[in-house]
């Protein structure tokens, strides 16, 4: 049983990496206004295989998360210094001074 769980975990890890690479290809194709239907279909096939593997893995009793850290790309760069908005200072102005400005 342990060997089968390890094989499933290895396959899931490889599928995740392949899916991340395929998603990057789809993004590039979309940015260039190219047809990405073939790669998108392949991603859907990978997802269906992944679903079956996860189902088999849970029936074998494995609940631990599988982490893939090699392709983690943060969506936004962290800012160098936090930008704090300065509170606005309101002043009361008399109607006479407004009329004098106009």
N, C-alpha and C. Protein backbone atom coordinates (compact mmCIF):
# COMPACT_ATOMS: atom_id res chain seq x y z
N UNK A 1 0.82 -1.20 0.00
CA UNK A 1 0.00 0.00 0.00
C UNK A 1 0.86 1.27 0.00
N UNK A 2 1.92 1.27 0.81
CA UNK A 2 2.76 2.46 0.91
C UNK A 2 3.42 2.81 -0.42
N UNK A 3 3.84 1.79 -1.15
CA UNK A 3 4.45 2.05 -2.46
C UNK A 3 3.46 2.68 -3.41
N UNK A 4 2.23 2.20 -3.39
CA UNK A 4 1.20 2.75 -4.29
C UNK A 4 0.93 4.21 -3.92
N UNK A 5 0.85 4.52 -2.64
CA UNK A 5 0.62 5.91 -2.21
C UNK A 5 1.77 6.79 -2.66
N UNK A 6 3.01 6.31 -2.51
CA UNK A 6 4.17 7.10 -2.94
C UNK A 6 4.16 7.32 -4.45
N UNK A 7 3.77 6.29 -5.21
CA UNK A 7 3.68 6.45 -6.67
C UNK A 7 2.62 7.49 -7.04
N UNK A 8 1.48 7.43 -6.35
CA UNK A 8 0.40 8.39 -6.62
C UNK A 8 0.87 9.80 -6.29
N UNK A 9 1.51 9.97 -5.14
CA UNK A 9 2.00 11.30 -4.75
C UNK A 9 3.02 11.82 -5.75
N UNK A 10 3.91 10.97 -6.24
CA UNK A 10 4.91 11.37 -7.23
C UNK A 10 4.23 11.79 -8.54
N UNK A 11 3.23 11.02 -8.94
CA UNK A 11 2.50 11.34 -10.17
C UNK A 11 1.74 12.65 -10.03
N UNK A 12 1.12 12.87 -8.87
CA UNK A 12 0.38 14.12 -8.64
C UNK A 12 1.34 15.30 -8.68
N UNK A 13 2.51 15.15 -8.05
CA UNK A 13 3.51 16.23 -8.08
C UNK A 13 3.91 16.56 -9.52
N UNK A 14 4.17 15.53 -10.30
CA UNK A 14 4.56 15.74 -11.70
C UNK A 14 3.42 16.38 -12.50
N UNK A 15 2.18 15.95 -12.24
CA UNK A 15 1.04 16.54 -12.93
C UNK A 15 0.89 18.02 -12.59
N UNK A 16 1.09 18.36 -11.32
CA UNK A 16 0.98 19.77 -10.91
C UNK A 16 2.01 20.63 -11.64
N UNK A 17 3.22 20.13 -11.72
CA UNK A 17 4.27 20.89 -12.41
C UNK A 17 3.91 21.04 -13.89
N UNK A 18 3.42 19.97 -14.51
CA UNK A 18 3.03 20.03 -15.92
C UNK A 18 1.87 21.00 -16.12
N UNK A 19 0.93 20.99 -15.18
CA UNK A 19 -0.21 21.90 -15.29
C UNK A 19 0.23 23.35 -15.15
N UNK A 20 1.16 23.63 -14.24
CA UNK A 20 1.65 25.00 -14.09
C UNK A 20 2.35 25.46 -15.36
N UNK A 21 3.14 24.58 -15.96
CA UNK A 21 3.82 24.94 -17.20
C UNK A 21 2.81 25.18 -18.32
N UNK A 22 1.79 24.32 -18.40
CA UNK A 22 0.76 24.48 -19.44
C UNK A 22 -0.03 25.76 -19.23
N UNK A 23 -0.32 26.11 -17.97
CA UNK A 23 -1.04 27.36 -17.70
C UNK A 23 -0.21 28.56 -18.12
N UNK A 24 1.09 28.50 -17.92
CA UNK A 24 1.96 29.59 -18.35
C UNK A 24 1.93 29.71 -19.88
N UNK A 25 1.92 28.58 -20.57
CA UNK A 25 1.85 28.60 -22.04
C UNK A 25 0.53 29.21 -22.49
N UNK A 26 -0.57 28.85 -21.82
CA UNK A 26 -1.88 29.41 -22.17
C UNK A 26 -1.87 30.92 -21.98
N UNK A 27 -1.30 31.39 -20.86
CA UNK A 27 -1.25 32.83 -20.63
C UNK A 27 -0.47 33.55 -21.73
N UNK A 28 0.66 32.96 -22.14
CA UNK A 28 1.45 33.56 -23.22
C UNK A 28 0.67 33.58 -24.52
N UNK A 29 -0.04 32.50 -24.81
CA UNK A 29 -0.83 32.44 -26.05
C UNK A 29 -1.96 33.46 -26.01
N UNK A 30 -2.59 33.62 -24.87
CA UNK A 30 -3.67 34.60 -24.75
C UNK A 30 -3.11 36.01 -24.93
N UNK A 31 -1.95 36.28 -24.34
CA UNK A 31 -1.35 37.61 -24.49
C UNK A 31 -0.99 37.92 -25.93
N UNK A 32 -0.69 36.89 -26.73
CA UNK A 32 -0.35 37.10 -28.14
C UNK A 32 -1.57 36.95 -29.05
N UNK A 33 -2.77 36.79 -28.46
CA UNK A 33 -4.02 36.59 -29.22
C UNK A 33 -3.96 35.35 -30.10
N UNK A 34 -3.37 34.29 -29.60
CA UNK A 34 -3.30 33.03 -30.32
C UNK A 34 -4.35 32.07 -29.78
N UNK A 35 -4.62 31.01 -30.54
CA UNK A 35 -5.58 29.99 -30.13
C UNK A 35 -4.93 29.10 -29.08
N UNK A 36 -5.56 28.96 -27.92
CA UNK A 36 -4.99 28.15 -26.84
C UNK A 36 -5.88 26.96 -26.52
N UNK A 37 -6.78 26.59 -27.42
CA UNK A 37 -7.74 25.54 -27.11
C UNK A 37 -7.07 24.18 -26.92
N UNK A 38 -6.04 23.88 -27.69
CA UNK A 38 -5.37 22.57 -27.55
C UNK A 38 -4.75 22.43 -26.17
N UNK A 39 -4.01 23.44 -25.74
CA UNK A 39 -3.35 23.37 -24.44
C UNK A 39 -4.39 23.36 -23.32
N UNK A 40 -5.47 24.12 -23.50
CA UNK A 40 -6.52 24.14 -22.49
C UNK A 40 -7.18 22.77 -22.36
N UNK A 41 -7.37 22.07 -23.48
CA UNK A 41 -7.93 20.72 -23.43
C UNK A 41 -6.98 19.76 -22.71
N UNK A 42 -5.69 19.94 -22.94
CA UNK A 42 -4.71 19.10 -22.25
C UNK A 42 -4.74 19.35 -20.74
N UNK A 43 -4.93 20.61 -20.34
CA UNK A 43 -5.03 20.93 -18.92
C UNK A 43 -6.25 20.25 -18.32
N UNK A 44 -7.37 20.27 -19.04
CA UNK A 44 -8.57 19.61 -18.55
C UNK A 44 -8.37 18.09 -18.41
N UNK A 45 -7.65 17.50 -19.35
CA UNK A 45 -7.34 16.06 -19.24
C UNK A 45 -6.47 15.79 -18.01
N UNK A 46 -5.49 16.66 -17.78
CA UNK A 46 -4.63 16.49 -16.62
C UNK A 46 -5.43 16.61 -15.33
N UNK A 47 -6.40 17.53 -15.33
CA UNK A 47 -7.24 17.70 -14.14
C UNK A 47 -8.09 16.47 -13.87
N UNK A 48 -8.60 15.85 -14.94
CA UNK A 48 -9.41 14.64 -14.73
C UNK A 48 -8.55 13.49 -14.20
N UNK A 49 -7.34 13.35 -14.72
CA UNK A 49 -6.42 12.33 -14.21
C UNK A 49 -6.07 12.62 -12.76
N UNK A 50 -5.83 13.89 -12.46
CA UNK A 50 -5.51 14.29 -11.09
C UNK A 50 -6.66 13.96 -10.15
N UNK A 51 -7.88 14.20 -10.59
CA UNK A 51 -9.04 13.91 -9.77
C UNK A 51 -9.13 12.43 -9.43
N UNK A 52 -8.90 11.57 -10.42
CA UNK A 52 -8.92 10.13 -10.18
C UNK A 52 -7.81 9.71 -9.21
N UNK A 53 -6.63 10.28 -9.39
CA UNK A 53 -5.51 9.94 -8.50
C UNK A 53 -5.78 10.39 -7.06
N UNK A 54 -6.37 11.56 -6.91
CA UNK A 54 -6.67 12.06 -5.57
C UNK A 54 -7.73 11.17 -4.91
N UNK A 55 -8.72 10.77 -5.69
CA UNK A 55 -9.75 9.89 -5.15
C UNK A 55 -9.14 8.55 -4.70
N UNK A 56 -8.26 8.00 -5.51
CA UNK A 56 -7.61 6.73 -5.14
C UNK A 56 -6.73 6.91 -3.92
N UNK A 57 -6.06 8.04 -3.85
CA UNK A 57 -5.17 8.32 -2.73
C UNK A 57 -5.95 8.42 -1.42
N UNK A 58 -7.10 9.07 -1.46
CA UNK A 58 -7.90 9.19 -0.23
C UNK A 58 -8.51 7.85 0.18
N UNK A 59 -8.85 7.01 -0.79
CA UNK A 59 -9.37 5.68 -0.42
C UNK A 59 -8.28 4.83 0.21
N UNK A 60 -7.02 5.08 -0.13
CA UNK A 60 -5.92 4.34 0.49
C UNK A 60 -5.57 4.91 1.87
N UNK A 61 -6.16 6.06 2.23
CA UNK A 61 -5.97 6.61 3.57
C UNK A 61 -4.93 7.68 3.69
N UNK A 62 -4.52 8.30 2.61
CA UNK A 62 -3.50 9.36 2.65
C UNK A 62 -4.19 10.71 2.62
N UNK A 63 -3.98 11.52 3.68
CA UNK A 63 -4.62 12.84 3.77
C UNK A 63 -3.61 13.98 3.76
N UNK A 64 -2.33 13.70 3.78
CA UNK A 64 -1.32 14.74 3.89
C UNK A 64 -1.26 15.58 2.61
N UNK A 65 -1.04 16.91 2.74
CA UNK A 65 -0.94 17.75 1.54
C UNK A 65 0.34 17.47 0.78
N UNK A 66 0.25 17.65 -0.53
CA UNK A 66 1.42 17.48 -1.41
C UNK A 66 1.82 18.88 -1.86
N UNK A 67 3.02 19.30 -1.54
CA UNK A 67 3.46 20.66 -1.85
C UNK A 67 4.39 20.67 -3.04
N UNK A 68 4.19 21.67 -3.90
CA UNK A 68 5.09 21.90 -5.03
C UNK A 68 5.57 23.34 -4.89
N UNK A 69 6.82 23.51 -4.51
CA UNK A 69 7.36 24.84 -4.28
C UNK A 69 8.20 25.36 -5.43
N UNK A 70 8.53 24.53 -6.38
CA UNK A 70 9.49 24.93 -7.40
C UNK A 70 8.94 25.97 -8.36
N UNK A 71 7.63 26.03 -8.56
CA UNK A 71 7.07 26.97 -9.52
C UNK A 71 6.20 28.02 -8.87
N UNK A 72 6.43 28.32 -7.59
CA UNK A 72 5.64 29.34 -6.93
C UNK A 72 6.11 30.71 -7.40
N UNK A 73 5.20 31.44 -8.03
CA UNK A 73 5.51 32.78 -8.52
C UNK A 73 4.52 33.74 -7.89
N UNK A 74 5.00 34.69 -7.08
CA UNK A 74 4.06 35.64 -6.49
C UNK A 74 3.43 36.51 -7.57
N UNK A 75 2.16 36.81 -7.40
CA UNK A 75 1.44 37.58 -8.40
C UNK A 75 1.89 39.03 -8.44
N UNK A 76 2.19 39.59 -7.31
CA UNK A 76 2.63 40.98 -7.24
C UNK A 76 3.95 41.06 -6.51
N UNK A 77 4.75 41.98 -6.94
CA UNK A 77 6.01 42.20 -6.22
C UNK A 77 5.69 42.93 -4.92
N UNK A 78 6.35 42.56 -3.83
CA UNK A 78 6.10 43.28 -2.59
C UNK A 78 6.64 44.70 -2.70
N UNK A 79 5.89 45.64 -2.16
CA UNK A 79 6.32 47.03 -2.23
C UNK A 79 7.51 47.24 -1.31
N UNK A 80 8.37 48.18 -1.69
CA UNK A 80 9.58 48.42 -0.90
C UNK A 80 9.24 49.05 0.44
N UNK A 81 8.44 50.09 0.40
CA UNK A 81 8.00 50.72 1.63
C UNK A 81 6.49 50.84 1.58
N UNK A 82 5.84 50.58 2.67
CA UNK A 82 4.39 50.70 2.66
C UNK A 82 3.98 52.15 2.46
N UNK A 83 3.05 52.33 1.57
CA UNK A 83 2.57 53.67 1.27
C UNK A 83 1.35 53.92 2.12
N UNK A 84 1.47 54.83 3.06
CA UNK A 84 0.35 55.16 3.93
C UNK A 84 -0.29 56.45 3.43
N UNK A 85 -1.57 56.43 3.30
CA UNK A 85 -2.28 57.62 2.85
C UNK A 85 -2.34 58.63 3.98
N UNK A 86 -2.00 59.84 3.65
CA UNK A 86 -2.01 60.91 4.64
C UNK A 86 -3.44 61.38 4.84
N UNK A 87 -3.89 61.49 6.08
CA UNK A 87 -5.27 61.95 6.29
C UNK A 87 -5.43 63.39 5.81
N UNK A 88 -6.56 63.64 5.20
CA UNK A 88 -6.83 64.98 4.70
C UNK A 88 -7.22 65.91 5.84
N UNK A 89 -6.75 67.14 5.75
CA UNK A 89 -7.10 68.13 6.76
C UNK A 89 -8.14 69.06 6.16
N UNK A 90 -9.25 69.12 6.81
CA UNK A 90 -10.32 69.99 6.35
C UNK A 90 -10.31 71.28 7.15
N UNK A 91 -10.55 72.38 6.43
CA UNK A 91 -10.66 73.67 7.10
C UNK A 91 -12.04 74.24 6.83
N UNK A 92 -12.58 74.85 7.82
CA UNK A 92 -13.86 75.52 7.63
C UNK A 92 -13.61 76.86 6.96
N UNK A 93 -14.42 77.13 5.95
CA UNK A 93 -14.26 78.36 5.21
C UNK A 93 -15.58 79.13 5.28
N UNK A 94 -15.49 80.41 5.56
CA UNK A 94 -16.71 81.21 5.65
C UNK A 94 -17.23 81.53 4.25
N UNK A 95 -18.52 81.72 4.10
CA UNK A 95 -19.08 82.06 2.77
C UNK A 95 -18.51 83.35 2.21
N UNK A 96 -18.14 84.33 3.06
CA UNK A 96 -17.58 85.57 2.58
C UNK A 96 -16.23 85.34 1.89
N UNK A 97 -15.40 84.47 2.47
CA UNK A 97 -14.09 84.24 1.87
C UNK A 97 -14.22 83.49 0.54
N UNK A 98 -15.23 82.61 0.41
CA UNK A 98 -15.48 81.92 -0.85
C UNK A 98 -15.90 82.92 -1.91
N UNK A 99 -16.76 83.86 -1.51
CA UNK A 99 -17.23 84.87 -2.47
C UNK A 99 -16.07 85.76 -2.90
N UNK A 100 -15.14 86.04 -2.01
CA UNK A 100 -14.01 86.88 -2.34
C UNK A 100 -13.05 86.18 -3.31
N UNK A 101 -12.98 84.86 -3.24
CA UNK A 101 -12.09 84.12 -4.15
C UNK A 101 -12.66 84.05 -5.56
N UNK A 102 -13.94 84.08 -5.66
CA UNK A 102 -14.56 83.94 -6.99
C UNK A 102 -14.61 85.25 -7.66
